[in-house]
Amino acid sequence: MILLWSDDGCGGTLRGQSGVINSPNYPQEYSNNADCTWTILAEPGDTIALVFSDFQLEDDYDVLEVSGTEGSSQW
């Protein structure tokens, strides 16, 4: 099963063995004050791997937070 998610919206819930999340308006800039929360669901014992092919944060404004893991991580 391949899950491909690409939407003009921002946030949602993903289930499946693989998927893609694009930010709104990608590859152009997204709107100011965008607040996107994505939930990725997996079966107990499964591993979730996040791979970024194109990633950029604006200093002092943007943040990526990964939580719900054994130890929360923030960039």
N, C-alpha and C. Protein backbone atom coordinates (compact mmCIF):
# COMPACT_ATOMS: atom_id res chain seq x y z
N MET A 1 0.85 -1.18 0.00
CA MET A 1 0.00 0.00 0.00
C MET A 1 0.89 1.24 0.00
N ILE A 2 0.65 2.14 -0.90
CA ILE A 2 1.38 3.40 -0.95
C ILE A 2 0.39 4.53 -0.73
N LEU A 3 0.70 5.39 0.21
CA LEU A 3 -0.15 6.52 0.50
C LEU A 3 0.57 7.78 0.03
N LEU A 4 -0.05 8.51 -0.85
CA LEU A 4 0.52 9.77 -1.32
C LEU A 4 -0.43 10.87 -0.91
N TRP A 5 0.06 11.79 -0.12
CA TRP A 5 -0.77 12.87 0.38
C TRP A 5 -0.18 14.18 -0.09
N SER A 6 -0.91 14.89 -0.88
CA SER A 6 -0.48 16.20 -1.34
C SER A 6 -1.73 17.05 -1.45
N ASP A 7 -1.79 18.12 -0.70
CA ASP A 7 -3.02 18.88 -0.57
C ASP A 7 -2.66 20.35 -0.39
N ASP A 8 -3.56 21.22 -0.78
CA ASP A 8 -3.36 22.64 -0.51
C ASP A 8 -3.62 22.96 0.95
N GLY A 9 -4.23 22.01 1.66
CA GLY A 9 -4.51 22.18 3.08
C GLY A 9 -3.25 22.03 3.91
N CYS A 10 -3.44 22.08 5.19
CA CYS A 10 -2.29 22.06 6.09
C CYS A 10 -2.61 21.17 7.28
N GLY A 11 -2.02 20.00 7.33
CA GLY A 11 -2.24 19.08 8.44
C GLY A 11 -3.20 17.97 8.08
N GLY A 12 -3.20 16.95 8.93
CA GLY A 12 -4.09 15.82 8.72
C GLY A 12 -3.55 14.58 9.39
N THR A 13 -4.18 13.45 9.10
CA THR A 13 -3.78 12.16 9.66
C THR A 13 -3.40 11.22 8.53
N LEU A 14 -2.25 10.58 8.66
CA LEU A 14 -1.76 9.66 7.64
C LEU A 14 -1.70 8.25 8.21
N ARG A 15 -2.15 7.29 7.41
CA ARG A 15 -2.04 5.87 7.73
C ARG A 15 -1.50 5.17 6.49
N GLY A 16 -0.75 4.13 6.66
CA GLY A 16 -0.26 3.39 5.50
C GLY A 16 1.20 3.04 5.66
N GLN A 17 1.73 2.32 4.70
CA GLN A 17 3.11 1.87 4.78
C GLN A 17 4.10 2.91 4.28
N SER A 18 3.64 3.87 3.50
CA SER A 18 4.52 4.96 3.07
C SER A 18 3.67 6.14 2.67
N GLY A 19 4.27 7.29 2.59
CA GLY A 19 3.51 8.47 2.23
C GLY A 19 4.39 9.67 1.98
N VAL A 20 3.78 10.73 1.51
CA VAL A 20 4.49 11.98 1.22
C VAL A 20 3.66 13.12 1.81
N ILE A 21 4.32 14.02 2.50
CA ILE A 21 3.67 15.22 3.01
C ILE A 21 4.33 16.41 2.35
N ASN A 22 3.55 17.25 1.70
CA ASN A 22 4.05 18.50 1.13
C ASN A 22 3.47 19.65 1.93
N SER A 23 4.26 20.70 2.11
CA SER A 23 3.72 21.88 2.78
C SER A 23 2.83 22.64 1.80
N PRO A 24 1.93 23.46 2.33
CA PRO A 24 1.02 24.22 1.45
C PRO A 24 1.80 25.07 0.45
N ASN A 25 1.35 25.06 -0.79
CA ASN A 25 1.91 25.88 -1.86
C ASN A 25 3.29 25.42 -2.32
N TYR A 26 3.75 24.26 -1.84
CA TYR A 26 5.07 23.76 -2.23
C TYR A 26 5.16 23.61 -3.75
N PRO A 27 6.22 24.01 -4.39
CA PRO A 27 7.52 24.40 -3.84
C PRO A 27 7.66 25.89 -3.55
N GLN A 28 6.59 26.68 -3.72
CA GLN A 28 6.66 28.09 -3.35
C GLN A 28 6.53 28.21 -1.82
N GLU A 29 6.69 29.44 -1.34
CA GLU A 29 6.59 29.68 0.10
C GLU A 29 5.15 29.51 0.57
N TYR A 30 5.00 29.08 1.80
CA TYR A 30 3.68 28.95 2.40
C TYR A 30 3.30 30.26 3.08
N SER A 31 2.04 30.39 3.45
CA SER A 31 1.54 31.62 4.06
C SER A 31 2.17 31.86 5.43
N ASN A 32 2.25 33.13 5.81
CA ASN A 32 2.71 33.48 7.15
C ASN A 32 1.77 32.87 8.19
N ASN A 33 2.32 32.52 9.32
CA ASN A 33 1.58 31.98 10.46
C ASN A 33 0.90 30.65 10.16
N ALA A 34 1.39 29.91 9.18
CA ALA A 34 0.84 28.57 8.91
C ALA A 34 1.13 27.68 10.11
N ASP A 35 0.15 26.91 10.53
CA ASP A 35 0.30 26.00 11.67
C ASP A 35 -0.18 24.63 11.21
N CYS A 36 0.73 23.80 10.77
CA CYS A 36 0.40 22.48 10.20
C CYS A 36 0.74 21.40 11.21
N THR A 37 -0.23 20.60 11.56
CA THR A 37 0.00 19.47 12.45
C THR A 37 -0.39 18.20 11.72
N TRP A 38 0.57 17.31 11.55
CA TRP A 38 0.34 16.03 10.89
C TRP A 38 0.45 14.92 11.93
N THR A 39 -0.47 13.99 11.90
CA THR A 39 -0.43 12.81 12.76
C THR A 39 -0.17 11.61 11.87
N ILE A 40 0.87 10.85 12.18
CA ILE A 40 1.21 9.65 11.43
C ILE A 40 0.94 8.46 12.34
N LEU A 41 0.03 7.59 11.92
CA LEU A 41 -0.36 6.44 12.73
C LEU A 41 0.31 5.17 12.22
N ALA A 42 0.78 4.35 13.15
CA ALA A 42 1.41 3.08 12.79
C ALA A 42 0.96 2.01 13.78
N GLU A 43 1.12 0.77 13.37
CA GLU A 43 0.79 -0.35 14.25
C GLU A 43 1.86 -0.47 15.34
N PRO A 44 1.49 -0.97 16.52
CA PRO A 44 2.49 -1.17 17.58
C PRO A 44 3.65 -2.02 17.06
N GLY A 45 4.86 -1.59 17.37
CA GLY A 45 6.05 -2.30 16.93
C GLY A 45 6.59 -1.83 15.59
N ASP A 46 5.79 -1.11 14.81
CA ASP A 46 6.25 -0.58 13.53
C ASP A 46 7.19 0.60 13.76
N THR A 47 8.03 0.86 12.79
CA THR A 47 8.96 1.99 12.83
C THR A 47 8.49 3.04 11.83
N ILE A 48 8.54 4.29 12.25
CA ILE A 48 8.24 5.41 11.36
C ILE A 48 9.56 6.10 11.05
N ALA A 49 9.90 6.20 9.79
CA ALA A 49 11.13 6.88 9.37
C ALA A 49 10.73 8.13 8.59
N LEU A 50 11.30 9.26 8.98
CA LEU A 50 11.05 10.52 8.27
C LEU A 50 12.27 10.83 7.42
N VAL A 51 12.06 11.01 6.13
CA VAL A 51 13.13 11.33 5.19
C VAL A 51 12.76 12.63 4.50
N PHE A 52 13.63 13.61 4.56
CA PHE A 52 13.36 14.92 3.97
C PHE A 52 14.19 15.07 2.70
N SER A 53 13.51 15.32 1.57
CA SER A 53 14.24 15.52 0.32
C SER A 53 14.48 17.00 0.04
N ASP A 54 13.70 17.87 0.64
CA ASP A 54 13.84 19.31 0.47
C ASP A 54 13.29 19.94 1.73
N PHE A 55 14.13 20.63 2.48
CA PHE A 55 13.70 21.10 3.79
C PHE A 55 14.39 22.41 4.12
N GLN A 56 13.61 23.39 4.55
CA GLN A 56 14.18 24.69 4.91
C GLN A 56 13.31 25.31 5.98
N LEU A 57 13.93 25.82 7.05
CA LEU A 57 13.23 26.54 8.10
C LEU A 57 13.69 27.99 8.09
N GLU A 58 12.77 28.89 8.38
CA GLU A 58 13.11 30.31 8.49
C GLU A 58 13.51 30.59 9.93
N ASP A 59 14.74 31.03 10.14
CA ASP A 59 15.25 31.28 11.48
C ASP A 59 14.29 32.16 12.28
N ASP A 60 14.12 31.82 13.54
CA ASP A 60 13.31 32.57 14.51
C ASP A 60 11.81 32.51 14.23
N TYR A 61 11.37 31.79 13.19
CA TYR A 61 9.94 31.73 12.88
C TYR A 61 9.42 30.31 12.76
N ASP A 62 10.16 29.44 12.10
CA ASP A 62 9.68 28.10 11.79
C ASP A 62 10.24 27.08 12.77
N VAL A 63 9.48 26.01 12.96
CA VAL A 63 9.93 24.93 13.84
C VAL A 63 9.36 23.61 13.33
N LEU A 64 10.15 22.57 13.44
CA LEU A 64 9.68 21.21 13.19
C LEU A 64 9.77 20.48 14.51
N GLU A 65 8.67 19.93 14.96
CA GLU A 65 8.66 19.18 16.21
C GLU A 65 8.14 17.78 15.92
N VAL A 66 8.89 16.78 16.38
CA VAL A 66 8.47 15.39 16.27
C VAL A 66 8.21 14.92 17.69
N SER A 67 6.97 14.50 17.96
CA SER A 67 6.62 14.08 19.31
C SER A 67 5.87 12.76 19.27
N GLY A 68 5.59 12.22 20.44
CA GLY A 68 4.91 10.94 20.51
C GLY A 68 5.88 9.80 20.39
N THR A 69 7.16 10.11 20.48
CA THR A 69 8.21 9.11 20.40
C THR A 69 8.75 8.88 21.81
N GLU A 70 9.72 8.00 21.93
CA GLU A 70 10.32 7.77 23.24
C GLU A 70 10.96 9.05 23.78
N GLY A 71 11.41 9.90 22.91
CA GLY A 71 11.97 11.18 23.30
C GLY A 71 11.59 12.21 22.25
N SER A 72 10.90 13.27 22.65
CA SER A 72 10.49 14.28 21.68
C SER A 72 11.71 14.97 21.10
N SER A 73 11.59 15.36 19.85
CA SER A 73 12.68 16.04 19.16
C SER A 73 12.14 17.30 18.52
N GLN A 74 12.94 18.35 18.52
CA GLN A 74 12.52 19.61 17.92
C GLN A 74 13.69 20.21 17.16
N TRP A 75 13.40 20.77 15.94
CA TRP A 75 14.41 21.44 15.13
C TRP A 75 13.93 22.81 14.78
